Amino acid sequence: MFKQPSMRRICVAVLGLLGVCLPLAGCSKTEAPEPEPVIPVQVAEAEISAIERTVVADGILFPSNQSAVMPKISAPVREFLVNRGDHVRKGQLLAVLENKDLAAARMENQGLVKQAEAAYRTTTAASLPEEIEKAKLDLQSANQSLEAAQKLYEGRKELLREGAIARRLVDEANVAFVQSKAQQEIAARHLEALQKVAQQAQVSSVEGQLEAAKGRYQGAEAQLEYSEIRSPIDGVVADRPAYAGETATPGTPLMTIMDVSRLIARANVPTGQLRYVKAGNSATVSAADGTTAKGKVTVVSPAVDPNSTTAEVWVLVENPGGHLRPGETVRASIHAETIPDAIVIPASALVPSKDGSDSVMIADSSSIAHARKITVGIRGRDKSQILEGVKAGERVIIVGALGLQDNAKVLIQAANKHE
């Protein structure tokens, strides 16, 4: 049989176990601390490079030239020669109105012009020259009569002094001389009147009749031309609300022609960016389907809309293929200026703050991250200009900066520029 262990032995055994456990407990308290976590990041160097300021604004496309074709006379539409969507040229015949009465009026007035021309030729080449010639002959006859009467009077006065004839015959010769002189003066004044006053008045009269006839003819011809509706510009028929047989009315558009070879994007630019935009700036217009077109700024509105605090800017773009359409919403990217020697960093390095300011995380030579407040100049799609806070050559964290603590240890995986 086994003997019961004594109390002393039990105590010795317990003390031995405690002696073994105490050193083990001391070892567990002196274990090495866990290593500090290292966060992997990607960096890029800030560099001196050119950066372009681009002002981006949404706008709507309008045709560069548009014409609402309105008839000048009221008449039924006899025929339309174009439909919606047809391309037309300036001066092309678009529609014809009923014009038989106008054609008859033109023909009548054309005949009146011919009559007035004939009367003018007759007056200037026949009637008036004949009257002037007759007046010349009358004056010549009066001159001869005056000369004969003067000789007779002078001869009888000589005979009276010699006592050869009676006083009565001298007096009769004097009366005949005075009468001949009066007739000569009348004939001379008549010829002068025909040559100056009568000729001018008669010619002016027939000239006035001719001009009046031509004016009536031109009016009738214009009325007939108004019945032919022609395109005032090159373009596309955008609208044609009327149909053949309906009455065209002055002041009501018969159709609308748009020149879509060039379009104008009317964009609303915020006032904060308006100072960078001026006429002549190049621009790019982009549609929702990816279509782009080059253009330039032609108009910068001097007035600001108080409701939207924006000003309207017109960008003229070429549209030879007709891919862009009037009324379409587009985005205009206006190339305002280029700074050749700016400090630039990738746009992905910017870390926004709750207060609206910007900052970046800088990785130093010991791979420690430091938060840095910065002042941003031009904000581009891929890179941004830094005015204050970062020097050229410093490494900014472009991947992994969000949520990174200041003075955190980082593991730089790549140092690619412009990443």
Protein backbone atom coordinates (compact mmCIF):
# COMPACT_ATOMS: atom_id res chain seq x y z
CA MET A 1 0.00 0.00 0.00
CA PHE A 2 1.13 3.54 -0.81
CA LYS A 3 1.91 5.89 2.02
CA GLN A 4 0.10 9.23 2.31
CA PRO A 5 2.43 12.16 1.44
CA SER A 6 3.26 14.35 4.36
CA MET A 7 2.29 17.98 4.58
CA ARG A 8 5.91 19.00 4.31
CA ARG A 9 6.36 17.24 1.04
CA ILE A 10 3.28 18.87 -0.32
CA CYS A 11 4.52 22.34 0.57
CA VAL A 12 7.91 21.65 -1.02
CA ALA A 13 6.23 20.59 -4.24
CA VAL A 14 4.02 23.68 -4.37
CA LEU A 15 6.96 26.00 -3.83
CA GLY A 16 8.82 24.30 -6.64
CA LEU A 17 5.98 24.85 -9.03
CA LEU A 18 5.76 28.54 -8.10
CA GLY A 19 9.45 28.92 -8.72
CA VAL A 20 9.02 27.62 -12.22
CA CYS A 21 5.97 29.82 -13.04
CA LEU A 22 7.36 33.12 -11.78
CA PRO A 23 10.24 33.29 -14.28
CA LEU A 24 7.81 32.48 -17.09
CA ALA A 25 5.54 35.35 -16.07
CA GLY A 26 8.51 37.70 -16.05
CA CYS A 27 9.43 36.69 -19.60
CA SER A 28 5.98 37.51 -21.00
CA LYS A 29 6.13 41.13 -19.73
CA THR A 30 9.38 41.93 -21.60
CA GLU A 31 8.27 40.96 -25.17
CA ALA A 32 9.45 43.32 -28.11
CA PRO A 33 6.86 45.98 -29.33
CA GLU A 34 5.01 45.44 -32.62
CA PRO A 35 6.53 47.24 -35.66
CA GLU A 36 4.89 50.53 -36.83
CA PRO A 37 2.65 49.99 -39.91
CA VAL A 38 4.04 51.22 -43.26
CA ILE A 39 1.49 52.50 -45.81
CA PRO A 40 2.24 51.95 -49.51
CA VAL A 41 1.91 55.11 -51.65
CA GLN A 42 2.83 56.42 -55.08
CA VAL A 43 4.53 59.77 -55.54
CA ALA A 44 5.42 62.24 -58.27
CA GLU A 45 7.82 65.17 -58.26
CA ALA A 46 6.64 68.76 -58.51
CA GLU A 47 8.21 70.23 -61.61
CA ILE A 48 8.45 73.47 -63.53
CA SER A 49 6.35 73.15 -66.67
CA ALA A 50 3.92 75.04 -68.88
CA ILE A 51 0.27 74.93 -67.89
CA GLU A 52 -2.75 76.26 -69.74
CA ARG A 53 -5.69 77.98 -68.12
CA THR A 54 -8.89 76.57 -69.54
CA VAL A 55 -12.28 78.11 -68.81
CA VAL A 56 -15.03 75.52 -69.12
CA ALA A 57 -18.69 76.43 -69.46
CA ASP A 58 -21.86 74.82 -70.79
CA GLY A 59 -23.68 76.42 -73.69
CA ILE A 60 -26.22 75.96 -76.46
CA LEU A 61 -25.52 75.92 -80.19
CA PHE A 62 -27.12 78.50 -82.49
CA PRO A 63 -26.71 78.94 -86.25
CA SER A 64 -24.25 81.64 -87.25
CA ASN A 65 -26.75 82.93 -89.81
CA GLN A 66 -30.48 82.38 -90.03
CA SER A 67 -33.23 83.85 -92.17
CA ALA A 68 -36.99 83.65 -91.83
CA VAL A 69 -38.13 83.91 -95.46
CA MET A 70 -41.23 86.12 -95.56
CA PRO A 71 -43.26 86.95 -98.70
CA LYS A 72 -43.72 90.61 -99.65
CA ILE A 73 -47.09 90.10 -101.30
CA SER A 74 -50.20 88.17 -100.40
CA ALA A 75 -50.97 85.37 -102.85
CA PRO A 76 -51.65 81.62 -102.83
CA VAL A 77 -48.60 79.33 -103.00
CA ARG A 78 -48.58 77.72 -106.42
CA GLU A 79 -45.60 75.41 -105.82
CA PHE A 80 -42.90 74.58 -103.27
CA LEU A 81 -39.57 73.51 -104.77
CA VAL A 82 -37.80 72.47 -101.52
CA ASN A 83 -38.62 70.45 -98.40
CA ARG A 84 -37.37 70.43 -94.82
CA GLY A 85 -33.75 69.37 -94.59
CA ASP A 86 -32.84 70.36 -98.15
CA HIS A 87 -29.60 72.26 -98.65
CA VAL A 88 -30.11 75.47 -100.63
CA ARG A 89 -27.87 78.12 -102.11
CA LYS A 90 -28.22 81.90 -101.99
CA GLY A 91 -30.62 83.04 -104.73
CA GLN A 92 -32.07 79.57 -105.29
CA LEU A 93 -35.80 79.48 -106.13
CA LEU A 94 -37.70 78.03 -103.17
CA ALA A 95 -41.37 78.59 -104.00
CA VAL A 96 -43.62 80.30 -106.56
CA LEU A 97 -46.81 82.23 -105.77
CA GLU A 98 -49.74 82.75 -108.14
CA ASN A 99 -48.67 85.60 -110.44
CA LYS A 100 -50.72 85.67 -113.66
CA ASP A 101 -52.19 89.08 -112.83
CA LEU A 102 -48.73 90.42 -112.01
CA ALA A 103 -47.32 89.14 -115.28
CA ALA A 104 -50.14 90.92 -117.18
CA ALA A 105 -49.48 94.17 -115.31
CA ARG A 106 -45.81 94.01 -116.19
CA MET A 107 -46.64 93.47 -119.87
CA GLU A 108 -49.03 96.46 -119.87
CA ASN A 109 -46.48 98.76 -118.30
CA GLN A 110 -43.81 97.53 -120.68
CA GLY A 111 -46.03 98.75 -123.56
CA LEU A 112 -46.46 102.14 -121.89
CA VAL A 113 -42.71 102.49 -121.66
CA LYS A 114 -42.37 101.87 -125.38
CA GLN A 115 -44.99 104.54 -126.11
CA ALA A 116 -43.20 107.08 -123.90
CA GLU A 117 -39.89 106.31 -125.57
CA ALA A 118 -41.44 106.91 -129.00
CA ALA A 119 -42.92 110.23 -127.88
CA TYR A 120 -39.56 111.30 -126.51
CA ARG A 121 -37.81 110.46 -129.77
CA THR A 122 -40.46 112.33 -131.77
CA THR A 123 -40.22 115.44 -129.60
CA THR A 124 -36.46 115.63 -129.53
CA ALA A 125 -35.81 114.58 -133.14
CA ALA A 126 -38.79 115.88 -135.16
CA SER A 127 -41.41 118.28 -133.73
CA LEU A 128 -39.23 120.70 -131.87
CA PRO A 129 -36.49 121.05 -134.51
CA GLU A 130 -39.17 121.84 -137.13
CA GLU A 131 -40.62 124.64 -135.00
CA ILE A 132 -37.18 126.08 -134.37
CA GLU A 133 -36.36 125.96 -138.08
CA LYS A 134 -39.63 127.76 -138.95
CA ALA A 135 -38.84 130.45 -136.35
CA LYS A 136 -35.40 130.93 -137.91
CA LEU A 137 -36.96 131.42 -141.37
CA ASP A 138 -39.47 133.91 -139.93
CA LEU A 139 -36.64 135.88 -138.32
CA GLN A 140 -34.70 135.89 -141.59
CA SER A 141 -37.71 137.21 -143.49
CA ALA A 142 -38.29 139.87 -140.84
CA ASN A 143 -34.67 140.96 -141.11
CA GLN A 144 -34.97 141.32 -144.87
CA SER A 145 -38.20 143.30 -144.57
CA LEU A 146 -36.60 145.57 -141.97
CA GLU A 147 -33.61 146.17 -144.20
CA ALA A 148 -35.81 147.06 -147.21
CA ALA A 149 -38.00 149.38 -145.14
CA GLN A 150 -34.95 151.11 -143.73
CA LYS A 151 -33.46 151.72 -147.20
CA LEU A 152 -36.79 153.09 -148.45
CA TYR A 153 -37.07 155.44 -145.50
CA GLU A 154 -33.49 156.70 -145.86
CA GLY A 155 -33.96 157.23 -149.63
CA ARG A 156 -37.16 159.23 -149.25
CA LYS A 157 -35.60 161.42 -146.55
CA GLU A 158 -32.83 162.31 -149.03
CA LEU A 159 -35.34 163.09 -151.76
CA LEU A 160 -37.31 165.26 -149.30
CA ARG A 161 -34.22 167.33 -148.57
CA GLU A 162 -33.78 167.85 -152.35
CA GLY A 163 -37.46 168.80 -152.64
CA ALA A 164 -38.22 165.96 -155.07
CA ILE A 165 -41.06 164.29 -153.06
CA ALA A 166 -43.75 165.26 -150.66
CA ARG A 167 -43.47 165.02 -146.86
CA ARG A 168 -46.33 162.51 -146.79
CA LEU A 169 -44.31 159.84 -148.63
CA VAL A 170 -41.46 160.16 -146.11
CA ASP A 171 -43.86 159.68 -143.24
CA GLU A 172 -45.35 156.56 -144.87
CA ALA A 173 -41.85 155.10 -145.33
CA ASN A 174 -41.07 155.79 -141.64
CA VAL A 175 -44.20 153.97 -140.51
CA ALA A 176 -43.32 150.96 -142.65
CA PHE A 177 -39.80 150.95 -141.21
CA VAL A 178 -41.06 151.02 -137.60
CA GLN A 179 -43.51 148.17 -138.29
CA SER A 180 -40.80 146.05 -139.91
CA LYS A 181 -38.51 146.65 -136.94
CA ALA A 182 -41.25 145.54 -134.51
CA GLN A 183 -41.91 142.34 -136.50
CA GLN A 184 -38.18 141.57 -136.57
CA GLU A 185 -37.96 141.92 -132.80
CA ILE A 186 -40.98 139.62 -132.32
CA ALA A 187 -39.48 136.96 -134.59
CA ALA A 188 -36.14 137.14 -132.75
CA ARG A 189 -37.79 136.77 -129.33
CA HIS A 190 -39.88 133.82 -130.60
CA LEU A 191 -36.79 132.00 -131.83
CA GLU A 192 -34.99 132.67 -128.57
CA ALA A 193 -37.94 131.32 -126.59
CA LEU A 194 -38.04 128.13 -128.63
CA GLN A 195 -34.33 127.61 -128.25
CA LYS A 196 -34.27 128.19 -124.49
CA VAL A 197 -37.56 128.02 -122.69
CA ALA A 198 -39.88 126.06 -124.95
CA GLN A 199 -37.26 123.48 -125.89
CA GLN A 200 -36.35 122.81 -122.28
CA ALA A 201 -39.96 122.60 -121.09
CA GLN A 202 -41.10 120.33 -123.89
CA VAL A 203 -38.12 118.01 -123.56
CA SER A 204 -38.58 117.90 -119.78
CA SER A 205 -42.21 116.99 -120.25
CA VAL A 206 -41.56 114.03 -122.50
CA GLU A 207 -38.64 112.96 -120.30
CA GLY A 208 -40.92 112.99 -117.26
CA GLN A 209 -43.50 110.91 -119.05
CA LEU A 210 -40.84 108.40 -120.03
CA GLU A 211 -39.44 108.16 -116.48
CA ALA A 212 -42.92 107.71 -115.05
CA ALA A 213 -43.63 104.91 -117.48
CA LYS A 214 -40.35 103.22 -116.60
CA GLY A 215 -41.11 103.55 -112.88
CA ARG A 216 -44.50 101.89 -113.28
CA TYR A 217 -42.88 99.12 -115.28
CA GLN A 218 -40.18 98.54 -112.64
CA GLY A 219 -42.86 98.40 -109.94
CA ALA A 220 -44.83 95.82 -111.88
CA GLU A 221 -41.66 93.84 -112.52
CA ALA A 222 -40.78 93.94 -108.80
CA GLN A 223 -44.24 92.69 -107.88
CA LEU A 224 -43.77 89.80 -110.29
CA GLU A 225 -40.34 89.03 -108.80
CA TYR A 226 -41.87 89.01 -105.30
CA SER A 227 -44.00 86.08 -106.41
CA GLU A 228 -40.79 84.05 -106.75
CA ILE A 229 -39.46 83.23 -103.28
CA ARG A 230 -35.67 82.86 -103.28
CA SER A 231 -33.20 81.96 -100.55
CA PRO A 232 -31.33 84.97 -99.10
CA ILE A 233 -28.48 82.80 -97.74
CA ASP A 234 -26.75 79.45 -98.13
CA GLY A 235 -28.10 76.94 -95.65
CA VAL A 236 -30.58 74.21 -94.81
CA VAL A 237 -34.38 74.41 -94.80
CA ALA A 238 -35.07 74.07 -91.08
CA ASP A 239 -38.82 74.72 -91.16
CA ARG A 240 -41.55 74.98 -93.80
CA PRO A 241 -44.90 75.33 -92.05
CA ALA A 242 -47.01 76.18 -95.12
CA TYR A 243 -48.26 73.92 -97.91
CA ALA A 244 -49.01 74.48 -101.60
CA GLY A 245 -52.37 76.17 -102.08
CA GLU A 246 -52.27 78.09 -98.82
CA THR A 247 -52.13 81.88 -98.98
CA ALA A 248 -48.78 83.45 -98.21
CA THR A 249 -49.09 86.55 -96.03
CA PRO A 250 -46.52 89.33 -95.60
CA GLY A 251 -44.98 89.19 -92.12
CA THR A 252 -45.57 85.44 -91.72
CA PRO A 253 -42.51 83.21 -92.38
CA LEU A 254 -43.00 80.91 -95.33
CA MET A 255 -39.91 78.90 -94.33
CA THR A 256 -36.74 79.20 -92.23
CA ILE A 257 -33.21 78.82 -93.63
CA MET A 258 -30.30 78.10 -91.29
CA ASP A 259 -26.62 78.27 -92.15
CA VAL A 260 -25.21 75.31 -90.16
CA SER A 261 -21.76 75.32 -91.74
CA ARG A 262 -20.72 77.52 -88.83
CA LEU A 263 -22.35 77.52 -85.41
CA ILE A 264 -22.15 79.74 -82.35
CA ALA A 265 -21.96 78.21 -78.89
CA ARG A 266 -23.45 80.67 -76.43
CA ALA A 267 -21.88 79.73 -73.11
CA ASN A 268 -22.49 81.28 -69.69
CA VAL A 269 -19.14 81.95 -67.99
CA PRO A 270 -19.00 82.74 -64.24
CA THR A 271 -17.82 86.23 -63.39
CA GLY A 272 -14.82 84.84 -61.48
CA GLN A 273 -13.39 83.40 -64.71
CA LEU A 274 -14.67 86.07 -67.07
CA ARG A 275 -11.54 88.22 -66.68
CA TYR A 276 -9.46 85.50 -68.36
CA VAL A 277 -11.67 85.36 -71.47
CA LYS A 278 -11.34 87.75 -74.40
CA ALA A 279 -12.29 87.83 -78.05
CA GLY A 280 -9.88 85.82 -80.17
CA ASN A 281 -9.20 83.07 -77.60
CA SER A 282 -9.15 79.62 -79.15
CA ALA A 283 -11.69 77.13 -77.88
CA THR A 284 -12.94 73.57 -78.24
CA VAL A 285 -16.62 72.66 -78.24
CA SER A 286 -17.66 69.13 -77.22
CA ALA A 287 -21.09 67.54 -77.63
CA ALA A 288 -22.61 64.77 -75.54
CA ASP A 289 -21.95 62.16 -78.25
CA GLY A 290 -18.22 62.96 -78.25
CA THR A 291 -18.23 65.19 -81.33
CA THR A 292 -15.72 68.05 -81.02
CA ALA A 293 -15.03 71.14 -83.07
CA LYS A 294 -12.41 73.87 -82.94
CA GLY A 295 -13.40 77.51 -82.73
CA LYS A 296 -12.63 80.90 -81.26
CA VAL A 297 -14.28 83.44 -79.01
CA THR A 298 -15.99 86.21 -80.98
CA VAL A 299 -18.14 87.99 -78.39
CA VAL A 300 -17.76 88.56 -74.65
CA SER A 301 -20.89 90.16 -73.26
CA PRO A 302 -20.21 93.36 -71.28
CA ALA A 303 -23.28 92.70 -69.11
CA VAL A 304 -23.68 90.14 -66.32
CA ASP A 305 -26.90 88.29 -65.61
CA PRO A 306 -27.73 89.19 -61.99
CA ASN A 307 -29.67 85.96 -61.47
CA SER A 308 -26.91 83.55 -62.49
CA THR A 309 -23.92 85.92 -62.04
CA THR A 310 -22.64 84.81 -65.42
CA ALA A 311 -21.95 86.56 -68.71
CA GLU A 312 -22.63 85.20 -72.16
CA VAL A 313 -19.62 84.31 -74.33
CA TRP A 314 -19.97 83.38 -78.01
CA VAL A 315 -17.67 80.75 -79.50
CA LEU A 316 -17.75 80.46 -83.29
CA VAL A 317 -17.02 76.92 -84.54
CA GLU A 318 -16.75 75.44 -88.00
CA ASN A 319 -19.22 72.64 -88.73
CA PRO A 320 -18.48 71.48 -92.28
CA GLY A 321 -19.81 67.96 -91.77
CA GLY A 322 -22.98 69.10 -90.05
CA HIS A 323 -22.37 66.77 -87.09
CA LEU A 324 -23.25 69.50 -84.59
CA ARG A 325 -26.84 70.71 -84.60
CA PRO A 326 -28.43 74.00 -83.53
CA GLY A 327 -30.16 73.72 -80.17
CA GLU A 328 -27.73 71.09 -78.90
CA THR A 329 -26.16 71.49 -75.46
CA VAL A 330 -22.35 71.50 -75.57
CA ARG A 331 -19.39 72.17 -73.34
CA ALA A 332 -17.04 74.94 -74.39
CA SER A 333 -13.40 74.76 -73.27
CA ILE A 334 -11.86 78.18 -73.79
CA HIS A 335 -8.04 78.32 -73.86
CA ALA A 336 -7.51 81.53 -71.93
CA GLU A 337 -3.74 81.72 -71.27
CA THR A 338 -0.56 79.66 -70.99
CA ILE A 339 1.96 80.05 -68.13
CA PRO A 340 5.31 78.67 -69.37
CA ASP A 341 7.23 78.28 -66.06
CA ALA A 342 4.70 77.25 -63.44
CA ILE A 343 5.25 74.76 -60.60
CA VAL A 344 2.85 71.96 -61.41
CA ILE A 345 1.82 68.73 -59.73
CA PRO A 346 -0.63 66.02 -60.76
CA ALA A 347 -4.21 66.97 -59.96
CA SER A 348 -4.63 63.66 -58.10
CA ALA A 349 -2.23 64.92 -55.39
CA LEU A 350 -4.69 67.56 -54.14
CA VAL A 351 -6.36 66.66 -50.84
CA PRO A 352 -9.48 68.73 -50.11
CA SER A 353 -10.13 69.91 -46.56
CA LYS A 354 -13.38 70.42 -44.71
CA ASP A 355 -12.86 74.19 -44.67
CA GLY A 356 -12.54 74.28 -48.46
CA SER A 357 -8.78 74.79 -48.56
CA ASP A 358 -6.34 72.55 -50.40
CA SER A 359 -3.39 70.55 -49.12
CA VAL A 360 -1.00 67.86 -50.26
CA MET A 361 1.00 65.11 -48.58
CA ILE A 362 4.75 65.42 -49.06
CA ALA A 363 7.01 62.36 -48.81
CA ASP A 364 10.44 63.38 -47.49
CA SER A 365 13.75 61.62 -48.01
CA SER A 366 13.09 59.39 -44.98
CA SER A 367 9.75 58.23 -46.44
CA ILE A 368 7.78 60.18 -43.84
CA ALA A 369 4.56 61.86 -44.96
CA HIS A 370 3.95 65.51 -44.06
CA ALA A 371 0.72 67.43 -44.60
CA ARG A 372 1.26 70.76 -46.38
CA LYS A 373 -1.21 73.61 -46.94
CA ILE A 374 -0.98 74.96 -50.49
CA THR A 375 -2.34 77.73 -52.71
CA VAL A 376 -3.60 76.50 -56.07
CA GLY A 377 -3.51 78.65 -59.22
CA ILE A 378 -4.69 77.05 -62.41
CA ARG A 379 -6.64 73.84 -61.95
CA GLY A 380 -6.32 71.58 -64.96
CA ARG A 381 -7.84 68.21 -65.64
CA ASP A 382 -4.54 66.33 -65.18
CA LYS A 383 -2.32 68.82 -63.38
CA SER A 384 -2.58 71.93 -61.23
CA GLN A 385 -0.44 74.99 -60.71
CA ILE A 386 0.94 75.53 -57.18
CA LEU A 387 1.45 79.16 -56.18
CA GLU A 388 2.56 78.50 -52.59
CA GLY A 389 3.35 75.47 -50.43
CA VAL A 390 5.36 73.19 -52.73
CA LYS A 391 8.77 73.64 -54.32
CA ALA A 392 10.02 72.12 -57.53
CA GLY A 393 11.59 68.68 -56.92
CA GLU A 394 9.52 67.84 -53.83
CA ARG A 395 7.65 64.56 -53.94
CA VAL A 396 3.89 64.72 -53.56
CA ILE A 397 1.80 61.63 -52.85
CA ILE A 398 -0.60 60.99 -55.69
CA VAL A 399 -1.98 57.60 -54.58
CA GLY A 400 -2.72 56.79 -50.95
CA ALA A 401 -2.82 60.36 -49.57
CA LEU A 402 -6.50 60.28 -48.63
CA GLY A 403 -6.79 59.52 -44.90
CA LEU A 404 -3.02 59.44 -44.43
CA GLN A 405 -1.89 60.85 -41.09
CA ASP A 406 0.78 63.50 -40.73
CA ASN A 407 4.26 62.03 -40.01
CA ALA A 408 3.13 58.56 -41.05
CA LYS A 409 5.69 56.12 -42.39
CA VAL A 410 5.11 55.31 -46.05
CA LEU A 411 6.43 52.83 -48.55
CA ILE A 412 7.06 54.49 -51.88
CA GLN A 413 6.10 52.07 -54.62
CA ALA A 414 6.67 54.27 -57.64
CA ALA A 415 7.87 57.75 -58.48
CA ASN A 416 6.35 58.39 -61.90
CA LYS A 417 6.00 61.91 -63.14
CA HIS A 418 2.55 63.08 -64.25
CA GLU A 419 0.96 59.88 -63.01
